[in-house]
Amino acid sequence: MDSLLSQIGIIVGIAAIIALLGRVIKQPSIIAYLITGVLVGPLVFNLIDPTIHLQSLASIGITLLLFIIGTSLDFRILKSVGGASIIGGISTVVIVCSVIFLIAQFLNFSLVPALYIAIAFSFSSAVVVVKILSDKKEIETLHGQIALGILIVESFIAALALMIIPVISNDGFSGILSQISKFVLMIALVVFVGHFIFSKMLSFAAKNQEVLFLVSIAWALAVGAIFEILGLSTEIGALIAGMVIASSRYNLEIKSKVKGIRDFFVILFFVYFGAQLSAPITTELVKQAVIFSVFVLIGKPVIVMALTRSFGFKKRTNFMIGTSLTQVSEFSLIVILLGYSLGHISQSVFSLTILVTLVTVSLSSYAIYFSTPIYESISRFLGLFDGKKRNIGNNNKKEKYDIILLGYSRLGFNLVKAFDLAKKKYLVVDYNPLTIMNLSKRGINCVYGDVNDSEFLKGINIKSVKMIVSTIPDYSANLNIIKSINYKETTFIATSNQIHNAIELYKNGADYVIMPHYLGGDHIASMLIRDSFNKKTLKEEGKNHIKQIQERLKDNSI
């Protein structure tokens, strides 16, 4: 079928069916798209020709994909966890690349294909990591921030690789310095224009949602086009454009607006790569894919855990970081495609990369989703990866508290004010390192920690506290807290966004369950009845509310 519309119809229809099945077994959509490509490509049903139309659409897809990834990779992350991310990211790529190169040589790959495989399999997937950590509400955790920081570093290394490979191929090593200089200058220029000019355009465009969407797309494609004109990677230009927006106040709104069009082109991008799986799937190819996959799934996280342990992080944090990076990246596909188009590697290496991507992305998604129970079952064997770093915060372990507040967030702001008014001695626990650092500067007793970690809860003497208040809406986290305290003697206040979860928490011993949406409705209903639906009185309440909101804005901990 040569018609563009018919090809897209086939692709989207099959991808939708496989994606629905994937949701049942908790697989990321990327796998559904790659499998769709394999099915519609020459290896199985041969329903489409990937060289007609699809390649151009796939190119647009990867540009928009990297733009949206960039909007999740905030430069400020490097400021908060820069040492671990920068050194850890560079070291991970160098060590993993070296080991994979040796494995490739052991499997009798010649020098050039071995180098391509080593470079390609050194990067982890920002798409998978950002998606799953966002689903689990772990982006702002310490391990989430370090993992994202490592991904930022890997993205820049991948950008350099994508620039240098064609230069070596055409001009030799003499053109590398010129190419890197252009890259650095372009990054500086994009950041400068983004901060001083584009940010003002965004402020003006934000008054109209359609204009904001159009300006955002124009920014991504314009930066990508300029990079391409200068002989740099279009995709990396889009990534840098997205990273500039990541620190903007309109970041979340832009991501939500671009998401729809991005998802459509991303489907075509991954289907295109899946359709490239056309070489015979031999026993030797499968054996190679299994060996590389095992190293990426087990060897790479062990390397990452050893590196992050050297910064003193606790074994749980190290395990979560390592688990997050157990897959090969979308950059792997781009690097291999580049090598294939330059004639440096064969179709079999291309097929090998797609197989390894399918295996590692599938299995790593399970590992990340179920990282907490996996850690609980094997934590006693991870002593080697336990660093000596003191917890972030200013908690004195010997001090006894009346109340422990688990999760500062938006609810915690008012609760802390109430504790201060009541002159209660309290400790704040939060899993966002920036929140803890800001609270610590204000002299508030606080400590970084994850309530899913039973060892951490024991460490803060949670059983000896009179009252525990959890503002964390996660059901399993609240159940873990109940198991860690003597709920018959300790007052426990939990939080839930779901009615059935709230009922279960009451059954398991919670004294009260905060349900923010219902409390908000109760509050406004009581206020309207109290003030007889009077506009003037409501206006006064609104003025008081503005003062409270402004006070919250000054609180950098939220």
Protein backbone atom coordinates (compact mmCIF):
# COMPACT_ATOMS: atom_id res chain seq x y z
CA MET A 1 0.00 0.00 0.00
CA ASP A 2 1.65 3.20 -1.19
CA SER A 3 -1.01 5.68 -0.06
CA LEU A 4 0.18 7.72 2.95
CA LEU A 5 -3.32 7.79 4.44
CA SER A 6 -3.77 4.02 4.15
CA GLN A 7 -0.35 3.36 5.70
CA ILE A 8 -1.10 5.65 8.63
CA GLY A 9 -4.52 4.06 9.07
CA ILE A 10 -3.01 0.58 9.28
CA ILE A 11 -0.28 1.74 11.66
CA VAL A 12 -2.55 3.60 14.07
CA GLY A 13 -5.20 0.86 14.08
CA ILE A 14 -2.78 -1.96 14.90
CA ALA A 15 -0.84 0.22 17.38
CA ALA A 16 -4.10 1.02 19.23
CA ILE A 17 -4.96 -2.67 19.63
CA ILE A 18 -1.48 -3.63 20.82
CA ALA A 19 -1.28 -0.61 23.14
CA LEU A 20 -4.56 -1.67 24.79
CA LEU A 21 -3.17 -5.15 25.35
CA GLY A 22 0.06 -3.56 26.64
CA ARG A 23 -1.84 -1.63 29.30
CA VAL A 24 -3.15 -4.90 30.72
CA ILE A 25 0.40 -6.15 31.32
CA LYS A 26 1.75 -2.67 32.21
CA GLN A 27 4.05 -2.25 29.22
CA PRO A 28 5.10 1.22 28.02
CA SER A 29 3.51 2.37 24.76
CA ILE A 30 6.92 2.37 23.05
CA ILE A 31 6.89 -1.43 23.02
CA ALA A 32 3.45 -1.47 21.39
CA TYR A 33 4.70 0.85 18.65
CA LEU A 34 7.87 -1.18 18.01
CA ILE A 35 5.86 -4.42 17.86
CA THR A 36 3.44 -2.73 15.47
CA GLY A 37 6.38 -1.85 13.23
CA VAL A 38 7.62 -5.45 13.31
CA LEU A 39 4.14 -6.76 12.40
CA VAL A 40 3.44 -4.34 9.52
CA GLY A 41 7.03 -4.48 8.22
CA PRO A 42 8.67 -6.94 5.84
CA LEU A 43 9.54 -9.45 8.59
CA VAL A 44 5.89 -10.46 9.24
CA PHE A 45 2.93 -9.17 7.17
CA ASN A 46 4.74 -6.68 4.92
CA LEU A 47 1.77 -4.29 4.91
CA ILE A 48 3.77 -1.06 4.50
CA ASP A 49 6.95 0.15 2.87
CA PRO A 50 8.89 2.11 5.54
CA THR A 51 10.93 3.89 2.88
CA ILE A 52 7.83 5.61 1.46
CA HIS A 53 6.58 8.66 3.40
CA LEU A 54 7.15 7.07 6.82
CA GLN A 55 10.82 8.01 7.16
CA SER A 56 10.09 11.75 6.84
CA LEU A 57 7.23 11.55 9.33
CA ALA A 58 9.44 9.56 11.71
CA SER A 59 12.06 12.32 11.52
CA ILE A 60 9.44 14.88 12.61
CA GLY A 61 8.38 12.48 15.35
CA ILE A 62 11.84 12.15 16.89
CA THR A 63 12.30 15.94 16.73
CA LEU A 64 9.09 16.53 18.69
CA LEU A 65 9.88 13.60 20.99
CA LEU A 66 13.25 15.05 21.98
CA PHE A 67 11.67 18.49 22.38
CA ILE A 68 9.17 17.14 24.90
CA ILE A 69 11.91 15.11 26.64
CA GLY A 70 13.90 18.34 26.90
CA THR A 71 10.99 20.03 28.69
CA SER A 72 11.37 17.38 31.44
CA LEU A 73 15.18 17.81 31.74
CA ASP A 74 15.53 21.03 33.69
CA PHE A 75 19.07 22.48 33.83
CA ARG A 76 18.36 23.32 37.49
CA ILE A 77 18.42 19.58 38.30
CA LEU A 78 22.17 19.65 37.68
CA LYS A 79 22.45 22.49 40.18
CA SER A 80 20.87 20.44 42.98
CA VAL A 81 22.48 17.05 42.25
CA GLY A 82 25.19 18.16 39.84
CA GLY A 83 28.17 16.22 41.21
CA ALA A 84 26.49 12.84 41.25
CA SER A 85 24.73 13.44 37.93
CA ILE A 86 27.65 14.85 35.93
CA ILE A 87 30.40 12.56 37.21
CA GLY A 88 28.01 9.62 37.45
CA GLY A 89 26.63 10.21 33.95
CA ILE A 90 30.04 10.53 32.27
CA SER A 91 31.50 7.60 34.23
CA THR A 92 28.49 5.39 33.46
CA VAL A 93 28.73 6.03 29.72
CA VAL A 94 32.52 5.46 29.66
CA ILE A 95 32.46 2.24 31.74
CA VAL A 96 29.33 0.77 30.12
CA CYS A 97 30.61 1.66 26.64
CA SER A 98 33.96 -0.02 27.37
CA VAL A 99 32.41 -3.22 28.74
CA ILE A 100 29.91 -3.51 25.86
CA PHE A 101 32.73 -2.97 23.36
CA LEU A 102 34.64 -5.87 24.94
CA ILE A 103 31.50 -8.04 24.87
CA ALA A 104 30.99 -7.17 21.18
CA GLN A 105 34.60 -8.08 20.42
CA PHE A 106 34.16 -11.35 22.33
CA LEU A 107 31.11 -12.08 20.12
CA ASN A 108 33.33 -11.59 17.05
CA PHE A 109 31.99 -8.23 15.88
CA SER A 110 34.54 -6.27 13.86
CA LEU A 111 35.90 -2.98 15.19
CA VAL A 112 33.44 -0.46 13.64
CA PRO A 113 30.19 -2.37 14.41
CA ALA A 114 31.50 -3.06 17.93
CA LEU A 115 32.07 0.69 18.45
CA TYR A 116 28.56 1.53 17.22
CA ILE A 117 26.99 -1.10 19.47
CA ALA A 118 29.05 0.10 22.45
CA ILE A 119 28.03 3.74 21.93
CA ALA A 120 24.38 2.93 21.25
CA PHE A 121 23.86 0.67 24.28
CA SER A 122 25.53 3.13 26.69
CA PHE A 123 22.49 5.45 26.89
CA SER A 124 19.27 4.98 28.87
CA SER A 125 15.80 5.97 27.68
CA ALA A 126 14.57 9.35 28.90
CA VAL A 127 11.14 8.54 27.44
CA VAL A 128 10.72 5.42 29.58
CA VAL A 129 12.29 6.86 32.75
CA VAL A 130 10.37 10.17 32.69
CA LYS A 131 7.07 8.42 31.86
CA ILE A 132 7.24 5.77 34.60
CA LEU A 133 8.73 8.01 37.31
CA SER A 134 5.99 10.56 36.55
CA ASP A 135 3.34 7.83 36.85
CA LYS A 136 4.83 6.81 40.21
CA LYS A 137 5.12 10.47 41.39
CA GLU A 138 8.89 9.98 41.89
CA ILE A 139 10.28 12.68 39.59
CA GLU A 140 11.04 14.97 42.54
CA THR A 141 12.60 12.30 44.74
CA LEU A 142 16.35 12.23 45.29
CA HIS A 143 16.79 9.14 43.12
CA GLY A 144 14.46 10.63 40.49
CA GLN A 145 16.45 13.86 40.34
CA ILE A 146 19.79 12.06 40.09
CA ALA A 147 18.46 9.70 37.39
CA LEU A 148 17.20 12.70 35.38
CA GLY A 149 20.52 14.46 35.89
CA ILE A 150 22.36 11.42 34.52
CA LEU A 151 19.96 11.38 31.55
CA ILE A 152 20.74 15.06 30.84
CA VAL A 153 24.47 14.25 30.78
CA GLU A 154 23.86 11.20 28.58
CA SER A 155 21.80 13.36 26.19
CA PHE A 156 24.73 15.73 25.70
CA ILE A 157 27.14 12.84 25.16
CA ALA A 158 24.71 11.36 22.63
CA ALA A 159 24.54 14.75 20.91
CA LEU A 160 28.32 14.83 20.61
CA ALA A 161 28.34 11.28 19.23
CA LEU A 162 25.72 12.15 16.60
CA MET A 163 27.79 15.16 15.52
CA ILE A 164 31.19 13.51 15.55
CA ILE A 165 30.33 10.26 13.69
CA PRO A 166 29.51 11.93 10.33
CA VAL A 167 32.49 14.30 10.69
CA ILE A 168 34.92 11.41 11.23
CA SER A 169 33.35 9.63 8.30
CA ASN A 170 33.73 12.59 5.91
CA ASP A 171 36.51 14.88 7.19
CA GLY A 172 38.45 12.76 9.64
CA PHE A 173 39.42 14.02 13.09
CA SER A 174 40.32 17.50 11.81
CA GLY A 175 36.69 18.64 11.73
CA ILE A 176 35.76 17.46 15.22
CA LEU A 177 36.99 20.56 17.08
CA SER A 178 35.11 22.84 14.69
CA GLN A 179 31.92 20.80 15.12
CA ILE A 180 32.14 20.79 18.93
CA SER A 181 32.82 24.56 18.96
CA LYS A 182 29.72 25.16 16.83
CA PHE A 183 27.70 22.94 19.17
CA VAL A 184 28.82 24.78 22.33
CA LEU A 185 28.24 28.19 20.75
CA MET A 186 24.77 27.18 19.56
CA ILE A 187 23.82 25.93 23.04
CA ALA A 188 24.97 29.25 24.52
CA LEU A 189 23.05 31.19 21.86
CA VAL A 190 19.83 29.17 22.31
CA VAL A 191 19.99 29.54 26.12
CA PHE A 192 20.63 33.31 25.78
CA VAL A 193 17.81 33.86 23.28
CA GLY A 194 15.50 31.60 25.27
CA HIS A 195 16.14 33.42 28.55
CA PHE A 196 16.08 37.03 27.34
CA ILE A 197 13.84 36.99 24.26
CA PHE A 198 11.79 33.82 23.93
CA SER A 199 10.66 33.94 27.59
CA LYS A 200 9.05 37.33 26.91
CA MET A 201 7.36 35.92 23.81
CA LEU A 202 5.97 33.09 25.93
CA SER A 203 4.57 35.53 28.50
CA PHE A 204 2.73 37.37 25.72
CA ALA A 205 1.64 34.17 23.92
CA ALA A 206 0.31 32.60 27.14
CA LYS A 207 -2.70 34.92 26.99
CA ASN A 208 -4.05 32.72 24.19
CA GLN A 209 -3.75 28.92 24.39
CA GLU A 210 -3.62 28.37 20.62
CA VAL A 211 -0.90 30.99 20.19
CA LEU A 212 1.11 29.43 23.05
CA PHE A 213 0.91 26.06 21.32
CA LEU A 214 1.94 27.54 17.95
CA VAL A 215 4.85 29.53 19.42
CA SER A 216 6.14 26.44 21.27
CA ILE A 217 6.11 24.27 18.14
CA ALA A 218 7.71 27.07 16.14
CA TRP A 219 10.49 27.40 18.74
CA ALA A 220 11.26 23.65 18.67
CA LEU A 221 11.29 23.37 14.87
CA ALA A 222 13.13 26.66 14.33
CA VAL A 223 15.97 25.73 16.70
CA GLY A 224 16.11 22.26 15.13
CA ALA A 225 16.24 23.76 11.61
CA ILE A 226 19.07 26.16 12.56
CA PHE A 227 21.06 23.25 14.01
CA GLU A 228 20.55 21.32 10.77
CA ILE A 229 21.63 24.28 8.60
CA LEU A 230 24.85 24.48 10.62
CA GLY A 231 25.52 20.79 10.06
CA LEU A 232 24.44 19.80 13.57
CA SER A 233 21.71 17.36 14.64
CA THR A 234 18.13 18.61 14.18
CA GLU A 235 16.96 16.32 16.98
CA ILE A 236 19.54 17.64 19.44
CA GLY A 237 18.52 21.20 18.56
CA ALA A 238 14.95 20.32 19.53
CA LEU A 239 16.21 18.74 22.78
CA ILE A 240 18.08 21.94 23.73
CA ALA A 241 15.00 24.00 22.82
CA GLY A 242 12.94 21.87 25.20
CA MET A 243 15.48 22.13 28.01
CA VAL A 244 15.34 25.93 27.76
CA ILE A 245 11.55 25.76 28.26
CA ALA A 246 11.93 23.30 31.19
CA SER A 247 12.75 26.16 33.57
CA SER A 248 9.87 28.31 32.29
CA ARG A 249 6.75 28.94 34.34
CA TYR A 250 4.72 27.82 31.31
CA ASN A 251 6.49 24.47 31.07
CA LEU A 252 3.61 22.26 32.24
CA GLU A 253 1.10 24.05 30.04
CA ILE A 254 3.33 23.75 26.96
CA LYS A 255 3.92 20.04 27.58
CA SER A 256 0.19 19.40 27.83
CA LYS A 257 -0.46 21.33 24.60
CA VAL A 258 2.31 19.65 22.57
CA LYS A 259 1.62 16.16 23.94
CA GLY A 260 -1.13 15.23 21.46
CA ILE A 261 0.75 16.07 18.25
CA ARG A 262 3.95 14.65 19.72
CA ASP A 263 2.29 11.30 20.51
CA PHE A 264 1.03 10.94 16.94
CA PHE A 265 4.45 11.46 15.36
CA VAL A 266 6.17 9.37 18.04
CA ILE A 267 3.97 6.42 17.06
CA LEU A 268 5.23 6.75 13.48
CA PHE A 269 8.83 7.09 14.68
CA PHE A 270 8.90 3.87 16.68
CA VAL A 271 6.81 2.00 14.12
CA TYR A 272 9.38 3.02 11.50
CA PHE A 273 12.18 1.47 13.55
CA GLY A 274 10.17 -1.67 14.25
CA ALA A 275 9.57 -2.03 10.51
CA GLN A 276 13.34 -2.08 9.93
CA LEU A 277 13.52 -5.54 11.53
CA SER A 278 13.79 -7.36 8.24
CA ALA A 279 16.90 -9.52 8.44
CA PRO A 280 16.40 -13.21 9.26
CA ILE A 281 16.15 -13.65 13.04
CA THR A 282 18.84 -16.30 13.43
CA THR A 283 19.79 -18.24 16.53
CA GLU A 284 23.08 -16.32 16.61
CA LEU A 285 21.24 -12.97 16.52
CA VAL A 286 18.96 -14.03 19.39
CA LYS A 287 21.98 -15.21 21.43
CA GLN A 288 23.72 -11.86 20.92
CA ALA A 289 20.54 -9.96 21.88
CA VAL A 290 20.20 -12.02 25.08
CA ILE A 291 23.84 -11.41 26.13
CA PHE A 292 23.65 -7.65 25.57
CA SER A 293 20.22 -7.44 27.23
CA VAL A 294 21.41 -9.29 30.34
CA PHE A 295 24.31 -6.87 30.72
CA VAL A 296 22.08 -3.79 30.26
CA LEU A 297 19.48 -5.15 32.72
CA ILE A 298 21.90 -6.39 35.40
CA GLY A 299 25.46 -5.24 34.71
CA LYS A 300 24.64 -1.60 34.00
CA PRO A 301 22.61 -0.99 37.20
CA VAL A 302 25.38 -2.60 39.28
CA ILE A 303 27.87 -0.15 37.70
CA VAL A 304 25.51 2.78 38.36
CA MET A 305 24.92 1.70 41.97
CA ALA A 306 28.67 1.43 42.60
CA LEU A 307 29.24 4.92 41.16
CA THR A 308 26.43 6.60 43.13
CA ARG A 309 27.52 4.79 46.28
CA SER A 310 30.87 6.58 45.97
CA PHE A 311 28.92 9.83 46.59
CA GLY A 312 27.71 8.39 49.90
CA PHE A 313 24.06 7.76 48.98
CA LYS A 314 22.19 5.04 50.86
CA LYS A 315 21.63 1.66 49.25
CA ARG A 316 17.92 2.27 48.61
CA THR A 317 18.63 5.48 46.69
CA ASN A 318 21.41 3.75 44.73
CA PHE A 319 19.16 0.79 43.91
CA MET A 320 16.35 3.05 42.67
CA ILE A 321 18.76 5.04 40.46
CA GLY A 322 20.31 1.89 39.01
CA THR A 323 16.91 0.29 38.37
CA SER A 324 15.71 3.40 36.52
CA LEU A 325 18.51 3.13 33.94
CA THR A 326 18.11 -0.53 32.89
CA GLN A 327 17.22 -0.05 29.22
CA VAL A 328 18.67 1.21 25.97
CA SER A 329 17.60 4.57 24.64
CA GLU A 330 15.80 6.13 21.73
CA PHE A 331 19.26 7.59 21.05
CA SER A 332 20.46 4.00 20.50
CA LEU A 333 18.10 3.71 17.54
CA ILE A 334 19.22 7.09 16.15
CA VAL A 335 22.93 6.24 16.46
CA ILE A 336 22.46 2.86 14.79
CA LEU A 337 20.29 4.39 12.02
CA LEU A 338 23.06 6.93 11.38
CA GLY A 339 25.67 4.19 11.13
CA TYR A 340 23.39 2.15 8.85
CA SER A 341 22.72 5.10 6.54
CA LEU A 342 26.49 5.81 6.33
CA GLY A 343 27.13 2.17 5.40
CA HIS A 344 29.21 1.50 8.53
CA ILE A 345 27.04 -1.32 9.88
CA SER A 346 24.89 -4.09 8.44
CA GLN A 347 21.16 -4.77 8.65
CA SER A 348 21.82 -7.49 11.24
CA VAL A 349 23.29 -4.93 13.69
CA PHE A 350 20.22 -2.77 13.12
CA SER A 351 17.99 -5.78 13.89
CA LEU A 352 20.09 -6.61 16.96
CA THR A 353 19.53 -3.09 18.32
CA ILE A 354 15.77 -3.32 17.84
CA LEU A 355 15.66 -6.71 19.60
CA VAL A 356 17.72 -5.40 22.56
CA THR A 357 15.47 -2.32 22.74
CA LEU A 358 12.34 -4.50 22.85
CA VAL A 359 13.75 -6.76 25.58
CA THR A 360 15.30 -4.11 27.84
CA VAL A 361 12.47 -1.56 27.62
CA SER A 362 9.89 -4.30 28.33
CA LEU A 363 11.67 -5.79 31.34
CA SER A 364 12.96 -2.50 32.75
CA SER A 365 9.44 -1.06 32.81
CA TYR A 366 8.45 -3.87 35.19
CA ALA A 367 11.60 -3.33 37.25
CA ILE A 368 10.88 0.40 37.66
CA TYR A 369 7.16 -0.05 38.38
CA PHE A 370 7.86 -2.69 41.05
CA SER A 371 11.19 -1.33 42.31
CA THR A 372 9.95 -0.97 45.90
CA PRO A 373 8.86 -4.60 46.47
CA ILE A 374 11.95 -5.80 44.57
CA TYR A 375 14.16 -3.71 46.86
CA GLU A 376 12.39 -4.96 49.99
CA SER A 377 13.02 -8.57 48.96
CA ILE A 378 16.74 -8.16 48.16
CA SER A 379 17.83 -5.23 50.36
CA ARG A 380 19.73 -7.50 52.77
CA PHE A 381 22.08 -8.44 49.92
CA LEU A 382 22.83 -4.80 48.95
CA GLY A 383 25.05 -3.83 51.89
CA LEU A 384 27.99 -3.37 49.51
CA PHE A 385 26.13 -0.45 47.89
CA ASP A 386 25.26 1.34 51.15
CA GLY A 387 27.00 4.73 51.35
CA LYS A 388 27.84 6.65 54.50
CA LYS A 389 26.25 9.98 53.60
CA ARG A 390 24.19 11.59 56.34
CA ASN A 391 20.54 12.20 55.50
CA ILE A 392 19.72 15.62 54.04
CA GLY A 393 18.14 17.90 56.63
CA ASN A 394 18.74 19.00 60.20
CA ASN A 395 17.19 16.18 62.19
CA ASN A 396 18.72 15.18 65.51
CA LYS A 397 18.02 11.44 65.84
CA LYS A 398 18.16 11.59 69.64
CA GLU A 399 15.50 14.29 69.80
CA LYS A 400 11.91 13.23 70.54
CA TYR A 401 8.98 14.78 68.68
CA ASP A 402 5.27 15.16 69.40
CA ILE A 403 4.36 14.97 65.70
CA ILE A 404 5.99 13.67 62.52
CA LEU A 405 4.66 15.16 59.28
CA LEU A 406 5.27 12.85 56.32
CA GLY A 407 5.19 14.91 53.12
CA TYR A 408 5.34 18.70 53.18
CA SER A 409 3.75 19.55 49.80
CA ARG A 410 0.73 21.88 49.75
CA LEU A 411 -1.12 20.41 52.73
CA GLY A 412 1.98 20.54 54.89
CA PHE A 413 2.27 24.32 54.57
CA ASN A 414 -0.86 24.92 56.68
CA LEU A 415 -0.15 22.02 59.02
CA VAL A 416 3.29 23.38 59.94
CA LYS A 417 1.70 26.75 60.75
CA ALA A 418 -0.80 24.96 63.03
CA PHE A 419 1.99 23.00 64.78
CA ASP A 420 3.89 26.25 65.40
CA LEU A 421 0.80 27.96 66.84
CA ALA A 422 0.18 24.97 69.11
CA LYS A 423 3.87 25.00 70.12
CA LYS A 424 4.28 21.34 69.21
CA LYS A 425 7.65 19.76 68.61
CA TYR A 426 7.56 18.28 65.10
CA LEU A 427 9.69 16.74 62.37
CA VAL A 428 8.98 17.11 58.64
CA VAL A 429 9.88 14.21 56.33
CA ASP A 430 9.85 14.69 52.56
CA TYR A 431 11.33 12.88 49.55
CA ASN A 432 12.11 16.07 47.59
CA PRO A 433 15.71 17.13 48.42
CA LEU A 434 15.02 20.75 47.40
CA THR A 435 12.07 20.93 49.82
CA ILE A 436 14.24 19.62 52.66
CA MET A 437 17.06 22.05 51.89
CA ASN A 438 14.64 25.00 51.90
CA LEU A 439 12.97 23.88 55.14
CA SER A 440 16.38 23.38 56.72
CA LYS A 441 17.35 26.97 55.85
CA ARG A 442 14.23 28.15 57.69
CA GLY A 443 15.32 26.28 60.81
CA ILE A 444 12.52 23.67 60.61
CA ASN A 445 13.39 20.19 61.88
CA CYS A 446 13.34 18.06 58.74
CA VAL A 447 14.91 15.06 57.06
CA TYR A 448 14.94 13.56 53.58
CA GLY A 449 13.37 10.13 53.39
CA ASP A 450 10.99 7.79 51.62
CA VAL A 451 8.12 6.39 53.69
CA ASN A 452 8.15 3.21 51.60
CA ASP A 453 11.53 2.41 53.17
CA SER A 454 10.80 0.51 56.41
CA GLU A 455 14.43 0.89 57.57
CA PHE A 456 14.14 4.67 57.28
CA LEU A 457 10.92 4.72 59.34
CA LYS A 458 12.65 2.75 62.09
CA GLY A 459 15.57 5.19 61.95
CA ILE A 460 13.37 8.19 62.85
CA ASN A 461 11.82 6.31 65.83
CA ILE A 462 8.36 6.52 64.36
CA LYS A 463 6.90 4.20 67.04
CA SER A 464 7.69 6.65 69.84
CA VAL A 465 5.75 9.58 68.33
CA LYS A 466 2.30 10.61 69.61
CA MET A 467 0.92 11.66 66.22
CA ILE A 468 1.79 10.86 62.59
CA VAL A 469 0.30 13.00 59.80
CA SER A 470 0.78 11.71 56.25
CA THR A 471 -0.08 14.07 53.38
CA ILE A 472 1.03 11.38 50.89
CA PRO A 473 -2.02 10.10 48.94
CA ASP A 474 -0.32 6.81 47.96
CA TYR A 475 -2.30 3.91 49.44
CA SER A 476 0.60 1.44 49.76
CA ALA A 477 2.79 4.10 51.42
CA ASN A 478 0.13 4.75 54.07
CA LEU A 479 -0.29 1.02 54.67
CA ASN A 480 3.46 0.73 55.18
CA ILE A 481 3.30 3.52 57.77
CA ILE A 482 0.48 1.77 59.64
CA LYS A 483 2.58 -1.42 59.78
CA SER A 484 5.53 0.57 61.18
CA ILE A 485 3.68 2.20 64.10
CA ASN A 486 1.66 1.12 67.10
CA TYR A 487 -1.61 2.52 65.76
CA LYS A 488 -3.48 1.71 68.99
CA GLU A 489 -1.33 4.27 70.83
CA THR A 490 -0.25 6.60 68.02
CA THR A 491 -2.75 8.90 66.31
CA PHE A 492 -2.44 8.38 62.57
CA ILE A 493 -3.88 10.78 59.99
CA ALA A 494 -3.59 9.57 56.39
CA THR A 495 -4.43 11.14 53.00
CA SER A 496 -6.26 9.58 50.06
CA ASN A 497 -7.73 10.74 46.76
CA GLN A 498 -9.85 7.59 46.33
CA ILE A 499 -12.95 6.65 48.33
CA HIS A 500 -12.27 2.89 48.36
CA ASN A 501 -8.67 3.46 49.51
CA ALA A 502 -9.88 5.75 52.30
CA ILE A 503 -12.29 3.05 53.53
CA GLU A 504 -9.49 0.45 53.50
CA LEU A 505 -7.18 2.78 55.46
CA TYR A 506 -9.89 3.23 58.12
CA LYS A 507 -10.26 -0.57 58.30
CA ASN A 508 -6.50 -0.94 58.78
CA GLY A 509 -6.33 1.48 61.70
CA ALA A 510 -6.16 5.07 60.42
CA ASP A 511 -7.82 7.52 62.85
CA TYR A 512 -8.71 10.01 60.11
CA VAL A 513 -8.22 10.12 56.33
CA ILE A 514 -7.84 13.50 54.64
CA MET A 515 -9.60 13.64 51.26
CA PRO A 516 -8.56 17.01 49.78
CA HIS A 517 -11.31 17.23 47.11
CA TYR A 518 -14.08 16.45 49.59
CA LEU A 519 -12.63 18.78 52.23
CA GLY A 520 -12.53 21.56 49.63
CA GLY A 521 -16.19 20.98 48.78
CA ASP A 522 -17.18 20.86 52.46
CA HIS A 523 -15.29 24.07 53.15
CA ILE A 524 -16.88 26.12 50.36
CA ALA A 525 -20.36 24.71 51.18
CA SER A 526 -19.97 25.65 54.88
CA MET A 527 -18.67 29.09 53.96
CA LEU A 528 -21.61 29.81 51.62
CA ILE A 529 -24.17 28.73 54.24
CA ARG A 530 -22.37 30.68 56.99
CA ASP A 531 -22.32 33.88 54.92
CA SER A 532 -25.82 33.42 53.42
CA PHE A 533 -24.38 33.35 49.85
CA ASN A 534 -23.52 37.05 50.24
CA LYS A 535 -21.36 38.47 47.41
CA LYS A 536 -19.72 41.14 49.59
CA THR A 537 -18.70 38.63 52.27
CA LEU A 538 -17.44 36.21 49.62
CA LYS A 539 -15.36 39.02 48.15
CA GLU A 540 -13.72 39.58 51.55
CA GLU A 541 -12.96 35.86 51.83
CA GLY A 542 -11.38 36.10 48.37
CA LYS A 543 -9.08 38.91 49.51
CA ASN A 544 -7.93 36.83 52.49
CA HIS A 545 -7.38 33.92 50.13
CA ILE A 546 -5.14 36.07 47.90
CA LYS A 547 -2.98 36.89 50.92
CA GLN A 548 -2.65 33.20 51.76
CA ILE A 549 -1.73 32.33 48.16
CA GLN A 550 0.92 35.07 48.05
CA GLU A 551 2.35 33.76 51.32
CA ARG A 552 2.59 30.28 49.77
CA LEU A 553 4.34 31.68 46.68
CA LYS A 554 7.09 33.03 48.94
CA ASP A 555 7.61 29.55 50.37
CA ASN A 556 10.31 27.98 48.16
CA SER A 557 9.70 24.62 49.83
CA ILE A 558 6.47 24.03 47.90
